[in-house]
Protein backbone atom coordinates (compact mmCIF):
# COMPACT_ATOMS: atom_id res chain seq x y z
CA MET A 1 0.28 -0.16 -0.02
CA ARG A 2 1.33 3.46 -0.95
CA GLY A 3 0.19 6.72 1.05
CA MET A 4 0.50 10.36 1.02
CA ILE A 5 0.70 12.83 3.82
CA LEU A 6 -0.92 16.08 2.87
CA ALA A 7 1.85 18.93 3.97
CA ALA A 8 1.37 21.86 1.85
CA GLY A 9 -0.95 24.00 4.53
CA GLU A 10 0.27 27.21 5.88
CA GLY A 11 -0.99 26.43 9.52
CA THR A 12 -2.39 29.63 9.83
CA ARG A 13 -4.39 28.58 13.24
CA LEU A 14 -0.80 27.59 14.79
CA ARG A 15 0.54 30.95 14.04
CA PRO A 16 2.80 32.66 14.94
CA LEU A 17 4.81 29.24 15.61
CA THR A 18 4.23 28.50 11.80
CA PHE A 19 6.18 31.71 11.04
CA ALA A 20 9.01 29.62 12.59
CA ARG A 21 8.56 26.15 10.99
CA PRO A 22 6.32 24.61 8.77
CA LYS A 23 3.67 22.73 10.60
CA ALA A 24 4.77 19.40 9.51
CA LEU A 25 8.05 20.24 11.53
CA VAL A 26 6.58 21.59 14.43
CA PRO A 27 8.00 19.43 17.27
CA VAL A 28 6.02 17.25 20.04
CA LEU A 29 8.70 15.85 22.57
CA THR A 30 11.20 17.26 20.40
CA VAL A 31 9.85 15.08 17.18
CA PRO A 32 8.19 16.92 14.31
CA ILE A 33 5.17 15.67 13.65
CA MET A 34 5.58 14.46 10.41
CA ALA A 35 8.65 12.37 11.40
CA ASN A 36 6.26 10.66 13.65
CA LEU A 37 3.86 9.95 11.12
CA VAL A 38 6.46 8.55 8.55
CA ARG A 39 7.62 6.24 11.29
CA TRP A 40 3.62 5.36 11.90
CA LEU A 41 3.07 4.54 8.52
CA ARG A 42 6.29 2.65 8.03
CA ALA A 43 5.15 0.22 11.29
CA PHE A 44 2.20 -0.90 9.16
CA GLY A 45 4.70 -1.69 6.18
CA VAL A 46 3.61 1.67 4.21
CA THR A 47 7.20 2.76 2.96
CA GLU A 48 6.22 4.33 -0.44
CA LEU A 49 5.27 7.99 0.36
CA ALA A 50 4.44 11.08 -1.41
CA ALA A 51 4.07 14.67 0.10
CA ASN A 52 2.72 17.71 -1.39
CA LEU A 53 4.49 20.90 -0.46
CA TRP A 54 3.70 24.64 -0.80
CA TYR A 55 4.30 26.82 2.08
CA ARG A 56 7.90 26.22 3.37
CA GLY A 57 8.11 23.37 1.38
CA ALA A 58 11.95 23.55 0.88
CA ASP A 59 12.31 23.16 4.79
CA ILE A 60 10.13 19.86 4.90
CA GLU A 61 12.01 18.49 1.57
CA ARG A 62 15.79 19.11 3.40
CA PHE A 63 14.55 17.72 6.70
CA PHE A 64 13.39 14.40 5.16
CA GLY A 65 15.29 14.21 1.94
CA ASP A 66 14.45 11.22 -0.23
CA GLY A 67 13.04 9.48 3.09
CA SER A 68 15.89 6.55 3.56
CA ALA A 69 16.84 8.22 6.82
CA PHE A 70 13.41 7.38 8.17
CA GLY A 71 13.13 3.93 6.11
CA VAL A 72 10.99 4.94 3.54
CA SER A 73 11.11 6.71 -0.05
CA LEU A 74 9.61 9.83 -0.46
CA THR A 75 8.21 11.23 -3.62
CA TYR A 76 7.31 15.18 -3.61
CA LEU A 77 4.41 17.28 -5.34
CA HIS A 78 5.26 20.77 -5.47
CA GLU A 79 2.42 23.06 -5.85
CA ASP A 80 2.72 26.43 -7.33
CA GLU A 81 -0.60 27.07 -5.79
CA PRO A 82 -2.87 25.38 -3.07
CA HIS A 83 -5.20 22.63 -4.90
CA GLY A 84 -7.04 21.15 -1.80
CA THR A 85 -6.61 17.77 -0.34
CA ALA A 86 -8.39 16.17 -2.87
CA GLY A 87 -6.84 18.26 -5.78
CA ALA A 88 -3.68 17.30 -4.48
CA VAL A 89 -4.10 13.34 -4.46
CA LYS A 90 -5.57 14.00 -7.96
CA LEU A 91 -2.56 15.53 -8.92
CA MET A 92 -0.63 12.20 -7.68
CA ALA A 93 -2.86 9.82 -9.00
CA ASP A 94 -0.23 8.12 -11.12
CA PHE A 95 1.81 7.37 -7.98
CA LEU A 96 -0.82 6.57 -5.73
CA CYS A 97 -2.68 4.51 -8.00
CA ALA A 98 0.16 2.50 -9.96
CA LEU A 99 -0.23 -0.52 -7.68
CA ASP A 100 -4.00 -0.31 -8.46
CA ASP A 101 -4.88 -1.10 -4.76
CA THR A 102 -5.67 0.84 -1.68
CA PHE A 103 -4.04 3.63 -0.68
CA VAL A 104 -3.96 5.72 2.21
CA VAL A 105 -3.80 9.64 2.79
CA VAL A 106 -3.39 11.66 6.28
CA GLY A 107 -2.83 15.28 7.19
CA CYS A 108 0.83 16.15 8.37
CA ASP A 109 -0.36 17.54 11.50
CA GLU A 110 -2.23 14.35 12.91
CA LEU A 111 -0.98 12.95 16.28
CA ILE A 112 -2.75 9.82 16.15
CA ASP A 113 -2.55 6.18 17.99
CA LEU A 114 -4.59 4.03 15.30
CA ASP A 115 -4.24 0.60 14.19
CA LEU A 116 -3.89 1.29 10.31
CA ALA A 117 -4.32 -2.84 9.92
CA ALA A 118 -7.49 -3.00 11.53
CA MET A 119 -8.65 -0.09 9.61
CA LEU A 120 -7.69 -1.64 6.28
CA ARG A 121 -9.46 -4.87 7.13
CA PHE A 122 -12.50 -3.04 8.08
CA HIS A 123 -12.22 -1.17 4.76
CA ARG A 124 -11.83 -4.34 2.55
CA GLU A 125 -14.31 -6.61 4.39
CA ARG A 126 -17.10 -4.05 3.45
CA SER A 127 -15.68 -3.27 -0.15
CA ALA A 128 -15.49 0.22 0.68
CA LEU A 129 -14.72 3.05 -1.47
CA VAL A 130 -13.52 5.28 1.01
CA THR A 131 -13.04 4.80 4.90
CA ILE A 132 -12.39 7.47 7.33
CA SER A 133 -11.11 7.57 10.56
CA LEU A 134 -13.38 8.85 13.38
CA ALA A 135 -12.59 9.65 17.01
CA LEU A 136 -15.34 10.67 19.93
CA VAL A 137 -15.03 14.00 21.11
CA ASP A 138 -16.87 15.89 23.61
CA ASP A 139 -17.30 19.02 21.57
CA PRO A 140 -17.44 18.78 17.70
CA ARG A 141 -18.18 22.34 17.13
CA GLU A 142 -14.37 22.71 15.69
CA PHE A 143 -14.67 19.64 13.62
CA GLY A 144 -18.33 18.82 12.58
CA VAL A 145 -20.11 15.68 13.14
CA VAL A 146 -19.94 12.18 10.96
CA GLN A 147 -23.38 10.29 11.35
CA LEU A 148 -23.26 6.65 11.08
CA ALA A 149 -25.44 3.76 10.19
CA ASP A 150 -25.34 0.84 12.33
CA ASP A 151 -23.15 -1.08 10.14
CA GLY A 152 -20.57 1.77 9.84
CA ARG A 153 -21.81 3.44 6.62
CA ILE A 154 -21.60 7.39 6.65
CA VAL A 155 -24.96 8.70 5.90
CA GLY A 156 -24.39 12.58 6.72
CA PHE A 157 -22.00 15.11 7.82
CA ILE A 158 -22.86 18.10 10.04
CA GLU A 159 -20.31 20.74 9.12
CA LYS A 160 -19.08 22.82 12.44
CA PRO A 161 -22.39 23.24 14.56
CA ARG A 162 -22.89 26.37 16.20
CA HIS A 163 -24.43 24.99 19.11
CA TRP A 164 -23.87 21.05 20.05
CA ALA A 165 -26.02 19.62 23.35
CA GLN A 166 -26.01 16.10 22.26
CA GLY A 167 -22.89 15.24 24.09
CA HIS A 168 -20.07 12.85 22.59
CA ALA A 169 -19.97 13.00 18.78
CA LEU A 170 -17.98 11.12 15.92
CA VAL A 171 -15.77 13.39 13.86
CA ASN A 172 -13.34 12.95 11.06
CA SER A 173 -9.62 12.44 12.34
CA GLY A 174 -7.85 12.50 9.29
CA VAL A 175 -6.92 9.35 7.98
CA TYR A 176 -8.51 8.09 4.73
CA LEU A 177 -8.42 4.79 2.90
CA LEU A 178 -9.38 5.32 -0.87
CA GLU A 179 -9.77 3.05 -3.69
CA PRO A 180 -8.21 4.52 -7.14
CA GLU A 181 -11.72 4.76 -8.27
CA VAL A 182 -12.07 7.75 -6.02
CA VAL A 183 -9.35 9.85 -7.92
CA ARG A 184 -11.53 9.58 -11.20
CA ARG A 185 -14.18 11.69 -8.98
CA ILE A 186 -11.99 14.31 -8.53
CA PRO A 187 -12.30 17.27 -10.95
CA ASP A 188 -9.32 19.31 -11.93
CA GLY A 189 -8.48 22.24 -9.68
CA PHE A 190 -9.09 23.22 -5.89
CA TYR A 191 -10.85 20.37 -4.54
CA ASP A 192 -11.35 19.37 -0.85
CA PHE A 193 -12.04 15.99 0.48
CA GLY A 194 -14.26 17.10 3.48
CA ARG A 195 -16.33 19.83 2.44
CA GLN A 196 -16.76 18.51 -1.23
CA LEU A 197 -15.91 14.99 -2.24
CA PHE A 198 -17.04 13.04 0.98
CA PRO A 199 -20.41 14.84 1.08
CA ALA A 200 -21.06 14.48 -2.60
CA LEU A 201 -20.09 10.40 -2.10
CA VAL A 202 -22.39 10.08 0.53
CA ALA A 203 -25.15 11.85 -1.36
CA GLU A 204 -24.95 9.79 -4.25
CA GLY A 205 -25.01 6.44 -2.06
CA ALA A 206 -21.34 5.39 -2.46
CA PRO A 207 -19.93 2.80 -0.01
CA ILE A 208 -18.07 5.31 2.63
CA TYR A 209 -17.41 4.27 6.08
CA GLY A 210 -16.31 5.37 8.97
CA PHE A 211 -13.75 3.42 11.27
CA VAL A 212 -14.00 4.28 15.11
CA SER A 213 -11.17 4.45 16.94
CA ASP A 214 -10.61 5.00 20.81
CA GLY A 215 -7.04 5.61 20.54
CA TYR A 216 -5.31 8.85 21.23
CA TRP A 217 -5.75 11.74 18.27
CA ASN A 218 -5.01 15.42 18.28
CA ASP A 219 -4.81 17.50 15.17
CA ILE A 220 -2.64 19.79 16.27
CA GLY A 221 -4.54 22.45 14.74
CA HIS A 222 -4.06 25.28 16.81
CA ILE A 223 -1.90 26.42 19.80
CA GLY A 224 -4.22 24.86 22.66
CA ASN A 225 -4.12 21.66 20.91
CA TYR A 226 -0.30 21.90 20.51
CA TRP A 227 0.14 22.38 24.20
CA GLY A 228 -2.60 19.45 24.91
CA ALA A 229 -0.21 17.14 22.66
CA ASN A 230 3.09 17.83 24.38
CA ILE A 231 1.25 17.45 27.67
CA ALA A 232 -0.12 14.19 26.57
CA ALA A 233 3.03 12.64 25.20
CA LEU A 234 4.59 13.88 28.74
CA HIS A 235 2.32 11.80 30.62
CA LYS A 236 2.58 8.87 28.26
CA ARG A 237 -1.19 9.26 26.99
CA VAL A 238 0.46 8.96 23.45
CA ILE A 239 3.61 7.03 22.55
CA LEU A 240 5.85 8.88 19.87
CA HIS A 241 7.29 6.22 17.40
CA GLU A 242 11.23 6.04 17.90
CA CYS A 243 11.47 9.02 20.26
CA PRO A 244 15.21 9.42 20.85
CA LEU A 245 14.60 10.62 24.29
CA ARG A 246 14.92 7.68 27.27
CA GLU A 247 12.60 7.63 30.62
CA VAL A 248 15.54 7.72 33.30
CA ALA A 249 12.85 8.25 35.73
CA PRO A 250 8.96 8.09 35.79
CA CYS A 251 8.05 10.95 33.15
CA VAL A 252 11.36 12.56 33.13
CA PHE A 253 12.47 12.17 29.51
CA ILE A 254 16.41 12.76 28.79
CA HIS A 255 18.45 12.24 25.54
CA PRO A 256 21.40 10.46 26.29
CA SER A 257 23.71 13.43 24.92
CA ALA A 258 22.09 15.88 27.26
CA GLN A 259 24.25 17.53 29.94
CA VAL A 260 22.34 17.77 33.54
CA ALA A 261 24.52 19.20 36.48
CA ASP A 262 24.27 17.36 39.57
CA THR A 263 22.77 20.53 41.52
CA ALA A 264 20.33 21.02 38.67
CA ARG A 265 16.60 20.07 39.44
CA LEU A 266 14.04 18.36 36.92
CA VAL A 267 10.12 18.20 37.83
CA PRO A 268 8.34 15.72 36.28
CA PRO A 269 7.12 15.43 34.00
CA CYS A 270 9.51 16.80 31.63
CA ALA A 271 11.71 16.18 28.37
CA ILE A 272 15.52 17.05 27.54
CA GLY A 273 16.75 16.74 23.95
CA ALA A 274 19.62 15.94 22.35
CA ALA A 275 22.88 18.22 23.30
CA THR A 276 21.11 20.21 25.70
CA VAL A 277 23.09 21.78 28.57
CA VAL A 278 21.34 22.10 32.04
CA ASP A 279 23.33 24.17 34.50
CA GLU A 280 24.22 24.26 38.28
CA GLY A 281 20.89 25.13 40.15
CA ALA A 282 18.44 25.23 37.07
CA ILE A 283 15.35 24.12 37.65
CA VAL A 284 13.12 22.34 34.55
CA GLY A 285 9.66 21.31 34.69
CA GLY A 286 7.04 19.92 35.29
CA GLU A 287 5.33 19.86 31.87
CA THR A 288 8.20 21.39 30.12
CA VAL A 289 10.04 20.33 26.97
CA VAL A 290 13.37 21.70 26.38
CA GLY A 291 14.51 20.89 22.68
CA ASP A 292 17.85 19.54 20.84
CA GLY A 293 21.11 22.15 21.65
CA CYS A 294 19.48 24.26 24.50
CA ARG A 295 21.30 25.93 27.49
CA ILE A 296 19.52 26.10 30.68
CA GLY A 297 21.81 28.59 32.45
CA ARG A 298 22.71 28.64 36.31
CA GLY A 299 19.91 29.20 38.32
CA ALA A 300 17.36 29.75 35.90
CA VAL A 301 13.87 28.27 36.02
CA VAL A 302 11.58 27.15 33.25
CA GLU A 303 8.42 25.77 34.06
CA ARG A 304 5.12 24.60 32.04
CA SER A 305 7.14 25.72 28.68
CA ILE A 306 8.04 24.08 25.41
CA LEU A 307 11.11 25.30 23.98
CA TRP A 308 12.34 24.53 20.41
CA SER A 309 15.94 23.57 19.37
CA HIS A 310 19.25 25.88 20.13
CA THR A 311 17.45 28.33 22.46
CA SER A 312 19.26 29.65 25.47
CA ILE A 313 17.92 30.51 28.77
CA ALA A 314 20.37 33.22 31.08
CA PRO A 315 21.21 32.48 34.07
CA GLY A 316 18.82 33.68 36.75
CA THR A 317 15.76 34.07 34.21
CA HIS A 318 12.42 32.71 35.20
CA LEU A 319 9.94 31.34 32.22
CA ALA A 320 6.47 30.10 32.83
CA ASN A 321 3.65 29.12 30.67
CA CYS A 322 5.75 30.22 27.28
CA ILE A 323 6.56 28.59 24.04
CA VAL A 324 9.94 29.76 22.38
CA THR A 325 10.67 28.87 19.16
CA ASP A 326 14.35 27.82 17.21
CA GLY A 327 17.50 29.66 17.99
CA CYS A 328 16.26 32.28 20.59
CA PHE A 329 18.22 33.81 23.68
CA ILE A 330 16.18 34.63 26.64
CA ALA A 331 17.15 36.65 29.28
CA SER A 332 14.93 38.55 31.68
CA ASP A 333 15.34 40.30 35.53
CA GLU A 334 11.55 39.78 35.71
CA PRO A 335 9.63 36.57 35.35
CA LEU A 336 8.28 35.87 31.47
CA ARG A 337 5.18 34.36 31.72
CA HIS A 338 2.44 33.30 29.20
CA ALA A 339 4.29 34.29 26.22
CA VAL A 340 4.87 32.91 22.51
CA ILE A 341 8.55 34.01 21.55
CA VAL A 342 9.32 33.66 17.82
CA GLY A 343 13.13 34.00 17.15
CA GLN A 344 14.48 35.12 13.49
CA ASN A 345 16.76 32.23 13.45
CA PRO A 346 16.41 29.43 11.14
CA PHE A 347 15.26 26.08 11.57
CA HIS A 348 18.30 23.87 12.51
CA PHE A 349 18.48 20.56 10.64
CA SER A 350 20.15 17.54 12.39
């Protein structure tokens, strides 16, 4: 089975973070979101992948290259303008349909614990044209509601209801299994799966099904979800594939190359990335992630914050409830709280 990762979007709801990196490379527990997706797909035998690129696509291509470092092969679609989720798949039809077999499509910002093999069995047992992964949420107003028949067939969609008082609801969680025939139903130009293709298929009575998963799911669509994804990873509610950090104490994750002074204090849950130095008397945690190549100065305090790579916190500085992107130097005599700090230095590839 081949697959495609949708990675062309600007990530406008994640701004200002996506001024610093494309959303595919925004890190969770130091691991770029799309890197975790690639490894998840590979774990289920999907090793021939495509990705569409537009916004900061060169960053994504430089990071992943031909995919060999991740155990896959990657083919890129460079879009000169966005074509929508379905429109991009249409442009990659020759690649995706070459095997005349089911293929998988997933958004680059999904942090998901889904049994893809079980979903594929479900899809084939029902001779489905399309199967959409579904998750149960408390408030579907941000996502829209998927309505199912008893056999799992999708019978309707309610697009982002303004008011919802009916309790839990099933929503589209962003993984699609598609048959090659679907591609022939996508017109040229801009076309969207959720808003256009899927409702049209349901209206005509096509066999489109929903696969309900009770595993973790977060679409990391905005900064609140981004916080939630990191906290879930720190508390081990979701496991990242091949995360380079090691759990050295309950919910304390450290890369083997990090250096933590004997007098520094790590308060769980927290994570320390590769080649990061935590100096004497510094305090890190709880619910804090410090990325690769950072330095936490003597006596500094970093709590409930996320630092990306190559950022330095000056001695004595106090940071709380902040996100700091790549390559920043933070020094302050007063505590810094509830801030998103975006540096001008480029993302460091390693």
